[in-house]
PDB file of all heavy atoms in Angstrom:
ATOM      1  N   HIS A   1       0.844  -1.159   0.054  1.00  0.00           N
ATOM      2  CA  HIS A   1      -0.027  -0.048   0.015  1.00  0.00           C
ATOM      3  C   HIS A   1       0.885   1.343  -0.021  1.00  0.00           C
ATOM      4  O   HIS A   1       0.485   2.274   0.619  1.00  0.00           O
ATOM      5  CB  HIS A   1      -0.998   0.035   1.228  1.00  0.00           C
ATOM      6  CG  HIS A   1      -1.872  -1.246   1.171  1.00  0.00           C
ATOM      7  ND1 HIS A   1      -2.870  -1.426   0.322  1.00  0.00           N
ATOM      8  CD2 HIS A   1      -1.784  -2.313   1.930  1.00  0.00           C
ATOM      9  CE1 HIS A   1      -3.468  -2.610   0.524  1.00  0.00           C
ATOM     10  NE2 HIS A   1      -2.762  -3.158   1.415  1.00  0.00           N
ATOM     11  N   LEU A   2       1.977   1.224  -0.715  1.00  0.00           N
ATOM     12  CA  LEU A   2       2.852   2.406  -0.905  1.00  0.00           C
ATOM     13  C   LEU A   2       3.111   2.416  -2.400  1.00  0.00           C
ATOM     14  O   LEU A   2       3.047   1.504  -3.183  1.00  0.00           O
ATOM     15  CB  LEU A   2       4.080   2.231  -0.036  1.00  0.00           C
ATOM     16  CG  LEU A   2       3.878   2.204   1.435  1.00  0.00           C
ATOM     17  CD1 LEU A   2       5.243   1.856   2.104  1.00  0.00           C
ATOM     18  CD2 LEU A   2       3.497   3.558   2.016  1.00  0.00           C
ATOM     19  N   TRP A   3       3.679   3.626  -2.720  1.00  0.00           N
ATOM     20  CA  TRP A   3       3.905   3.908  -4.161  1.00  0.00           C
ATOM     21  C   TRP A   3       5.426   3.909  -4.339  1.00  0.00           C
ATOM     22  O   TRP A   3       6.195   4.607  -3.733  1.00  0.00           O
ATOM     23  CB  TRP A   3       3.399   5.319  -4.529  1.00  0.00           C
ATOM     24  CG  TRP A   3       1.866   5.374  -4.492  1.00  0.00           C
ATOM     25  CD1 TRP A   3       1.094   5.470  -3.442  1.00  0.00           C
ATOM     26  CD2 TRP A   3       1.050   5.357  -5.651  1.00  0.00           C
ATOM     27  NE1 TRP A   3      -0.193   5.499  -3.739  1.00  0.00           N
ATOM     28  CE2 TRP A   3      -0.356   5.412  -5.079  1.00  0.00           C
ATOM     29  CE3 TRP A   3       1.201   5.324  -6.940  1.00  0.00           C
ATOM     30  CZ2 TRP A   3      -1.446   5.469  -5.899  1.00  0.00           C
ATOM     31  CZ3 TRP A   3       0.089   5.408  -7.750  1.00  0.00           C
ATOM     32  CH2 TRP A   3      -1.157   5.367  -7.341  1.00  0.00           C
ATOM     33  N   TRP A   4       5.840   3.192  -5.407  1.00  0.00           N
ATOM     34  CA  TRP A   4       7.364   3.240  -5.810  1.00  0.00           C
ATOM     35  C   TRP A   4       7.629   4.573  -6.267  1.00  0.00           C
ATOM     36  O   TRP A   4       6.758   5.406  -6.805  1.00  0.00           O
ATOM     37  CB  TRP A   4       7.523   2.181  -6.863  1.00  0.00           C
ATOM     38  CG  TRP A   4       7.569   0.723  -6.304  1.00  0.00           C
ATOM     39  CD1 TRP A   4       8.511   0.268  -5.464  1.00  0.00           C
ATOM     40  CD2 TRP A   4       6.679  -0.228  -6.597  1.00  0.00           C
ATOM     41  NE1 TRP A   4       8.138  -1.026  -5.134  1.00  0.00           N
ATOM     42  CE2 TRP A   4       7.047  -1.337  -5.882  1.00  0.00           C
ATOM     43  CE3 TRP A   4       5.492  -0.287  -7.303  1.00  0.00           C
ATOM     44  CZ2 TRP A   4       6.340  -2.568  -5.843  1.00  0.00           C
ATOM     45  CZ3 TRP A   4       4.803  -1.481  -7.352  1.00  0.00           C
ATOM     46  CH2 TRP A   4       5.249  -2.688  -6.629  1.00  0.00           C
ATOM     47  N   ARG A   5       8.897   5.113  -6.221  1.00  0.00           N
ATOM     48  CA  ARG A   5       9.299   6.273  -6.487  1.00  0.00           C
ATOM     49  C   ARG A   5       8.916   6.717  -7.928  1.00  0.00           C
ATOM     50  O   ARG A   5       8.367   7.762  -8.195  1.00  0.00           O
ATOM     51  CB  ARG A   5      10.822   6.452  -6.323  1.00  0.00           C
ATOM     52  CG  ARG A   5      11.278   7.883  -6.605  1.00  0.00           C
ATOM     53  CD  ARG A   5      12.689   8.018  -6.200  1.00  0.00           C
ATOM     54  NE  ARG A   5      13.066   9.423  -6.429  1.00  0.00           N
ATOM     55  CZ  ARG A   5      13.651   9.822  -7.543  1.00  0.00           C
ATOM     56  NH1 ARG A   5      14.141   9.022  -8.522  1.00  0.00           N
ATOM     57  NH2 ARG A   5      13.938  11.166  -7.651  1.00  0.00           N
ATOM     58  N   ASP A   6       9.217   5.953  -8.903  1.00  0.00           N
ATOM     59  CA  ASP A   6       8.872   6.122 -10.236  1.00  0.00           C
ATOM     60  C   ASP A   6       9.169   4.791 -11.062  1.00  0.00           C
ATOM     61  O   ASP A   6       9.682   3.887 -10.452  1.00  0.00           O
ATOM     62  CB  ASP A   6       9.620   7.340 -10.946  1.00  0.00           C
ATOM     63  CG  ASP A   6      11.074   7.281 -11.008  1.00  0.00           C
ATOM     64  OD1 ASP A   6      11.647   6.213 -11.324  1.00  0.00           O
ATOM     65  OD2 ASP A   6      11.722   8.247 -10.623  1.00  0.00           O
ATOM     66  N   GLN A   7       8.910   4.718 -12.302  1.00  0.00           N
ATOM     67  CA  GLN A   7       8.999   3.421 -13.039  1.00  0.00           C
ATOM     68  C   GLN A   7      10.386   2.910 -13.005  1.00  0.00           C
ATOM     69  O   GLN A   7      10.645   1.719 -13.121  1.00  0.00           O
ATOM     70  CB  GLN A   7       8.507   3.526 -14.382  1.00  0.00           C
ATOM     71  CG  GLN A   7       9.294   4.477 -15.311  1.00  0.00           C
ATOM     72  CD  GLN A   7       8.524   4.734 -16.675  1.00  0.00           C
ATOM     73  OE1 GLN A   7       7.457   4.426 -16.797  1.00  0.00           O
ATOM     74  NE2 GLN A   7       9.342   5.101 -17.674  1.00  0.00           N
ATOM     75  N   ASP A   8      11.437   3.779 -12.752  1.00  0.00           N
ATOM     76  CA  ASP A   8      12.840   3.224 -12.714  1.00  0.00           C
ATOM     77  C   ASP A   8      13.165   2.604 -11.406  1.00  0.00           C
ATOM     78  O   ASP A   8      14.224   1.929 -11.233  1.00  0.00           O
ATOM     79  CB  ASP A   8      13.805   4.477 -12.923  1.00  0.00           C
ATOM     80  CG  ASP A   8      13.763   4.994 -14.377  1.00  0.00           C
ATOM     81  OD1 ASP A   8      13.388   4.243 -15.236  1.00  0.00           O
ATOM     82  OD2 ASP A   8      14.040   6.213 -14.565  1.00  0.00           O
ATOM     83  N   PHE A   9      12.286   2.713 -10.423  1.00  0.00           N
ATOM     84  CA  PHE A   9      12.495   2.174  -9.088  1.00  0.00           C
ATOM     85  C   PHE A   9      11.535   1.048  -8.724  1.00  0.00           C
ATOM     86  O   PHE A   9      11.455   0.670  -7.560  1.00  0.00           O
ATOM     87  CB  PHE A   9      12.457   3.400  -8.059  1.00  0.00           C
ATOM     88  CG  PHE A   9      13.571   4.381  -8.229  1.00  0.00           C
ATOM     89  CD1 PHE A   9      13.485   5.341  -9.076  1.00  0.00           C
ATOM     90  CD2 PHE A   9      14.805   4.070  -7.523  1.00  0.00           C
ATOM     91  CE1 PHE A   9      14.445   6.286  -9.297  1.00  0.00           C
ATOM     92  CE2 PHE A   9      15.818   5.043  -7.671  1.00  0.00           C
ATOM     93  CZ  PHE A   9      15.700   6.073  -8.586  1.00  0.00           C
ATOM     94  N   ASP A  10      10.683   0.643  -9.725  1.00  0.00           N
ATOM     95  CA  ASP A  10      10.080  -0.638  -9.497  1.00  0.00           C
ATOM     96  C   ASP A  10      10.827  -1.725  -9.270  1.00  0.00           C
ATOM     97  O   ASP A  10      12.094  -1.729  -9.784  1.00  0.00           O
ATOM     98  CB  ASP A  10       9.112  -0.806 -10.762  1.00  0.00           C
ATOM     99  CG  ASP A  10       7.973   0.048 -10.919  1.00  0.00           C
ATOM    100  OD1 ASP A  10       7.757   1.118 -10.153  1.00  0.00           O
ATOM    101  OD2 ASP A  10       7.132  -0.094 -11.855  1.00  0.00           O
ATOM    102  N   PRO A  11      10.308  -2.820  -8.716  1.00  0.00           N
ATOM    103  CA  PRO A  11      11.183  -3.979  -8.683  1.00  0.00           C
ATOM    104  C   PRO A  11      11.501  -4.425 -10.083  1.00  0.00           C
ATOM    105  O   PRO A  11      10.773  -4.221 -11.012  1.00  0.00           O
ATOM    106  CB  PRO A  11      10.194  -5.053  -8.034  1.00  0.00           C
ATOM    107  CG  PRO A  11       9.246  -4.196  -7.311  1.00  0.00           C
ATOM    108  CD  PRO A  11       9.089  -2.982  -7.977  1.00  0.00           C
ATOM    109  N   PRO A  12      12.727  -4.985 -10.276  1.00  0.00           N
ATOM    110  CA  PRO A  12      13.555  -5.564  -9.264  1.00  0.00           C
ATOM    111  C   PRO A  12      14.498  -4.580  -8.572  1.00  0.00           C
ATOM    112  O   PRO A  12      15.284  -5.008  -7.727  1.00  0.00           O
ATOM    113  CB  PRO A  12      14.391  -6.486  -9.984  1.00  0.00           C
ATOM    114  CG  PRO A  12      14.550  -5.942 -11.361  1.00  0.00           C
ATOM    115  CD  PRO A  12      13.255  -5.153 -11.635  1.00  0.00           C
ATOM    116  N   TYR A  13      14.433  -3.281  -8.717  1.00  0.00           N
ATOM    117  CA  TYR A  13      15.178  -2.206  -8.018  1.00  0.00           C
ATOM    118  C   TYR A  13      14.985  -2.392  -6.494  1.00  0.00           C
ATOM    119  O   TYR A  13      13.767  -2.552  -6.138  1.00  0.00           O
ATOM    120  CB  TYR A  13      14.949  -0.878  -8.520  1.00  0.00           C
ATOM    121  CG  TYR A  13      15.714   0.113  -7.633  1.00  0.00           C
ATOM    122  CD1 TYR A  13      16.961   0.407  -7.975  1.00  0.00           C
ATOM    123  CD2 TYR A  13      15.235   0.704  -6.514  1.00  0.00           C
ATOM    124  CE1 TYR A  13      17.793   1.270  -7.286  1.00  0.00           C
ATOM    125  CE2 TYR A  13      15.961   1.567  -5.700  1.00  0.00           C
ATOM    126  CZ  TYR A  13      17.270   1.868  -6.024  1.00  0.00           C
ATOM    127  OH  TYR A  13      18.007   2.704  -5.217  1.00  0.00           O
ATOM    128  N   VAL A  14      15.990  -2.411  -5.732  1.00  0.00           N
ATOM    129  CA  VAL A  14      15.804  -2.410  -4.262  1.00  0.00           C
ATOM    130  C   VAL A  14      16.891  -1.346  -3.653  1.00  0.00           C
ATOM    131  O   VAL A  14      17.728  -1.016  -4.301  1.00  0.00           O
ATOM    132  CB  VAL A  14      16.121  -3.765  -3.549  1.00  0.00           C
ATOM    133  CG1 VAL A  14      15.023  -4.830  -3.938  1.00  0.00           C
ATOM    134  CG2 VAL A  14      17.440  -4.337  -3.932  1.00  0.00           C
ATOM    135  N   GLU A  15      16.465  -0.845  -2.445  1.00  0.00           N
ATOM    136  CA  GLU A  15      17.345   0.025  -1.769  1.00  0.00           C
ATOM    137  C   GLU A  15      18.656  -0.757  -1.231  1.00  0.00           C
ATOM    138  O   GLU A  15      18.713  -2.084  -1.340  1.00  0.00           O
ATOM    139  CB  GLU A  15      16.636   0.554  -0.502  1.00  0.00           C
ATOM    140  CG  GLU A  15      15.511   1.446  -0.822  1.00  0.00           C
ATOM    141  CD  GLU A  15      15.988   2.781  -1.215  1.00  0.00           C
ATOM    142  OE1 GLU A  15      17.125   3.073  -1.593  1.00  0.00           O
ATOM    143  OE2 GLU A  15      15.225   3.798  -1.237  1.00  0.00           O
ATOM    144  N   PRO A  16      19.694  -0.071  -0.708  1.00  0.00           N
ATOM    145  CA  PRO A  16      20.839  -0.792  -0.374  1.00  0.00           C
ATOM    146  C   PRO A  16      20.620  -1.902   0.751  1.00  0.00           C
ATOM    147  O   PRO A  16      21.325  -2.863   0.905  1.00  0.00           O
ATOM    148  CB  PRO A  16      21.660   0.364   0.327  1.00  0.00           C
ATOM    149  CG  PRO A  16      21.421   1.587  -0.520  1.00  0.00           C
ATOM    150  CD  PRO A  16      19.842   1.408  -0.707  1.00  0.00           C
ATOM    151  N   ASN A  17      19.466  -1.695   1.497  1.00  0.00           N
ATOM    152  CA  ASN A  17      19.205  -2.768   2.546  1.00  0.00           C
ATOM    153  C   ASN A  17      18.317  -3.850   1.923  1.00  0.00           C
ATOM    154  O   ASN A  17      17.861  -4.777   2.682  1.00  0.00           O
ATOM    155  CB  ASN A  17      18.514  -2.154   3.694  1.00  0.00           C
ATOM    156  CG  ASN A  17      17.024  -1.653   3.440  1.00  0.00           C
ATOM    157  OD1 ASN A  17      16.577  -1.642   2.297  1.00  0.00           O
ATOM    158  ND2 ASN A  17      16.355  -1.303   4.473  1.00  0.00           N
ATOM    159  N   GLY A  18      18.123  -3.844   0.740  1.00  0.00           N
ATOM    160  CA  GLY A  18      17.292  -4.907   0.016  1.00  0.00           C
ATOM    161  C   GLY A  18      15.818  -4.716  -0.014  1.00  0.00           C
ATOM    162  O   GLY A  18      15.121  -5.476  -0.528  1.00  0.00           O
ATOM    163  N   GLN A  19      15.331  -3.647   0.402  1.00  0.00           N
ATOM    164  CA  GLN A  19      13.915  -3.267   0.526  1.00  0.00           C
ATOM    165  C   GLN A  19      13.471  -2.545  -0.796  1.00  0.00           C
ATOM    166  O   GLN A  19      14.228  -1.893  -1.313  1.00  0.00           O
ATOM    167  CB  GLN A  19      13.520  -2.577   1.704  1.00  0.00           C
ATOM    168  CG  GLN A  19      13.726  -3.283   3.025  1.00  0.00           C
ATOM    169  CD  GLN A  19      12.829  -4.511   3.134  1.00  0.00           C
ATOM    170  OE1 GLN A  19      11.665  -4.436   2.964  1.00  0.00           O
ATOM    171  NE2 GLN A  19      13.527  -5.607   3.558  1.00  0.00           N
ATOM    172  N   ASP A  20      12.182  -2.539  -1.077  1.00  0.00           N
ATOM    173  CA  ASP A  20      11.606  -1.673  -2.160  1.00  0.00           C
ATOM    174  C   ASP A  20      11.936  -0.235  -1.832  1.00  0.00           C
ATOM    175  O   ASP A  20      11.964   0.196  -0.667  1.00  0.00           O
ATOM    176  CB  ASP A  20      10.169  -1.909  -2.293  1.00  0.00           C
ATOM    177  CG  ASP A  20       9.800  -3.224  -3.048  1.00  0.00           C
ATOM    178  OD1 ASP A  20      10.737  -3.759  -3.692  1.00  0.00           O
ATOM    179  OD2 ASP A  20       8.566  -3.634  -3.019  1.00  0.00           O
ATOM    180  N   CYS A  21      11.991   0.640  -2.933  1.00  0.00           N
ATOM    181  CA  CYS A  21      12.245   2.050  -2.876  1.00  0.00           C
ATOM    182  C   CYS A  21      10.864   2.797  -2.791  1.00  0.00           C
ATOM    183  O   CYS A  21      10.202   2.886  -3.851  1.00  0.00           O
ATOM    184  CB  CYS A  21      13.013   2.514  -3.919  1.00  0.00           C
ATOM    185  SG  CYS A  21      13.547   4.274  -3.830  1.00  0.00           S
ATOM    186  N   TYR A  22      10.492   3.243  -1.571  1.00  0.00           N
ATOM    187  CA  TYR A  22       9.395   4.060  -1.385  1.00  0.00           C
ATOM    188  C   TYR A  22       9.849   5.518  -0.943  1.00  0.00           C
ATOM    189  O   TYR A  22      10.246   5.636   0.092  1.00  0.00           O
ATOM    190  CB  TYR A  22       8.412   3.520  -0.340  1.00  0.00           C
ATOM    191  CG  TYR A  22       7.866   2.131  -0.789  1.00  0.00           C
ATOM    192  CD1 TYR A  22       8.243   0.908  -0.013  1.00  0.00           C
ATOM    193  CD2 TYR A  22       7.030   1.872  -1.994  1.00  0.00           C
ATOM    194  CE1 TYR A  22       7.713  -0.236  -0.358  1.00  0.00           C
ATOM    195  CE2 TYR A  22       6.710   0.681  -2.231  1.00  0.00           C
ATOM    196  CZ  TYR A  22       6.912  -0.330  -1.542  1.00  0.00           C
ATOM    197  OH  TYR A  22       6.463  -1.593  -1.928  1.00  0.00           O
ATOM    198  N   TRP A  23       9.637   6.430  -1.775  1.00  0.00           N
ATOM    199  CA  TRP A  23      10.122   7.751  -1.594  1.00  0.00           C
ATOM    200  C   TRP A  23       9.130   8.478  -0.723  1.00  0.00           C
ATOM    201  O   TRP A  23       7.979   8.566  -1.065  1.00  0.00           O
ATOM    202  CB  TRP A  23      10.269   8.441  -2.869  1.00  0.00           C
ATOM    203  CG  TRP A  23      11.043   9.737  -2.907  1.00  0.00           C
ATOM    204  CD1 TRP A  23      12.056  10.176  -2.141  1.00  0.00           C
ATOM    205  CD2 TRP A  23      10.702  10.810  -3.785  1.00  0.00           C
ATOM    206  NE1 TRP A  23      12.445  11.433  -2.523  1.00  0.00           N
ATOM    207  CE2 TRP A  23      11.619  11.825  -3.569  1.00  0.00           C
ATOM    208  CE3 TRP A  23       9.869  10.978  -4.862  1.00  0.00           C
ATOM    209  CZ2 TRP A  23      11.620  13.047  -4.294  1.00  0.00           C
ATOM    210  CZ3 TRP A  23       9.879  12.115  -5.589  1.00  0.00           C
ATOM    211  CH2 TRP A  23      10.774  13.140  -5.260  1.00  0.00           C
ATOM    212  N   SER A  24       9.550   8.905   0.515  1.00  0.00           N
ATOM    213  CA  SER A  24       8.632   9.493   1.385  1.00  0.00           C
ATOM    214  C   SER A  24       7.857  10.803   0.861  1.00  0.00           C
ATOM    215  O   SER A  24       6.738  10.841   1.092  1.00  0.00           O
ATOM    216  CB  SER A  24       9.306   9.891   2.756  1.00  0.00           C
ATOM    217  OG  SER A  24      10.217  10.891   2.636  1.00  0.00           O
ATOM    218  N   ARG A  25       8.684  11.615   0.193  1.00  0.00           N
ATOM    219  CA  ARG A  25       8.007  12.793  -0.323  1.00  0.00           C
ATOM    220  C   ARG A  25       6.940  12.439  -1.476  1.00  0.00           C
ATOM    221  O   ARG A  25       5.772  13.064  -1.465  1.00  0.00           O
ATOM    222  CB  ARG A  25       9.104  13.651  -1.016  1.00  0.00           C
ATOM    223  CG  ARG A  25       8.478  15.120  -1.429  1.00  0.00           C
ATOM    224  CD  ARG A  25       9.587  15.977  -1.810  1.00  0.00           C
ATOM    225  NE  ARG A  25      10.681  15.525  -2.449  1.00  0.00           N
ATOM    226  CZ  ARG A  25      11.731  16.198  -2.941  1.00  0.00           C
ATOM    227  NH1 ARG A  25      11.512  17.512  -3.080  1.00  0.00           N
ATOM    228  NH2 ARG A  25      12.739  15.632  -3.645  1.00  0.00           N
ATOM    229  N   GLY A  26       7.217  11.515  -2.266  1.00  0.00           N
ATOM    230  CA  GLY A  26       6.241  11.128  -3.281  1.00  0.00           C
ATOM    231  C   GLY A  26       5.034  10.486  -2.643  1.00  0.00           C
ATOM    232  O   GLY A  26       3.874  10.740  -3.151  1.00  0.00           O
ATOM    233  N   ASN A  27       5.197   9.616  -1.699  1.00  0.00           N
ATOM    234  CA  ASN A  27       4.093   9.029  -1.086  1.00  0.00           C
ATOM    235  C   ASN A  27       3.322  10.136  -0.264  1.00  0.00           C
ATOM    236  O   ASN A  27       2.057  10.010  -0.170  1.00  0.00           O
ATOM    237  CB  ASN A  27       4.481   8.033  -0.034  1.00  0.00           C
ATOM    238  CG  ASN A  27       4.699   6.646  -0.797  1.00  0.00           C
ATOM    239  OD1 ASN A  27       3.692   5.908  -0.998  1.00  0.00           O
ATOM    240  ND2 ASN A  27       5.839   6.310  -1.262  1.00  0.00           N
ATOM    241  N   GLY A  28       3.962  11.066   0.276  1.00  0.00           N
ATOM    242  CA  GLY A  28       3.260  12.266   0.839  1.00  0.00           C
ATOM    243  C   GLY A  28       2.379  12.975  -0.081  1.00  0.00           C
ATOM    244  O   GLY A  28       1.249  13.377   0.278  1.00  0.00           O
ATOM    245  N   TRP A  29       2.823  13.235  -1.355  1.00  0.00           N
ATOM    246  CA  TRP A  29       2.098  13.919  -2.354  1.00  0.00           C
ATOM    247  C   TRP A  29       0.797  13.142  -2.614  1.00  0.00           C
ATOM    248  O   TRP A  29      -0.231  13.703  -2.733  1.00  0.00           O
ATOM    249  CB  TRP A  29       2.952  14.063  -3.597  1.00  0.00           C
ATOM    250  CG  TRP A  29       4.082  15.047  -3.443  1.00  0.00           C
ATOM    251  CD1 TRP A  29       4.154  16.143  -2.603  1.00  0.00           C
ATOM    252  CD2 TRP A  29       5.202  15.114  -4.196  1.00  0.00           C
ATOM    253  NE1 TRP A  29       5.248  16.843  -2.805  1.00  0.00           N
ATOM    254  CE2 TRP A  29       6.020  16.220  -3.754  1.00  0.00           C
ATOM    255  CE3 TRP A  29       5.775  14.302  -5.232  1.00  0.00           C
ATOM    256  CZ2 TRP A  29       7.217  16.492  -4.288  1.00  0.00           C
ATOM    257  CZ3 TRP A  29       7.040  14.644  -5.742  1.00  0.00           C
ATOM    258  CH2 TRP A  29       7.704  15.638  -5.330  1.00  0.00           C
TER     259      TRP A  29
END
């Protein structure tokens, strides 16, 4: 129930800790 940052950050992209990239500012918008 969160939004990936943009199409370049959809899986299989992950953050350095191995989790999905959910940008707080974008989810806030």
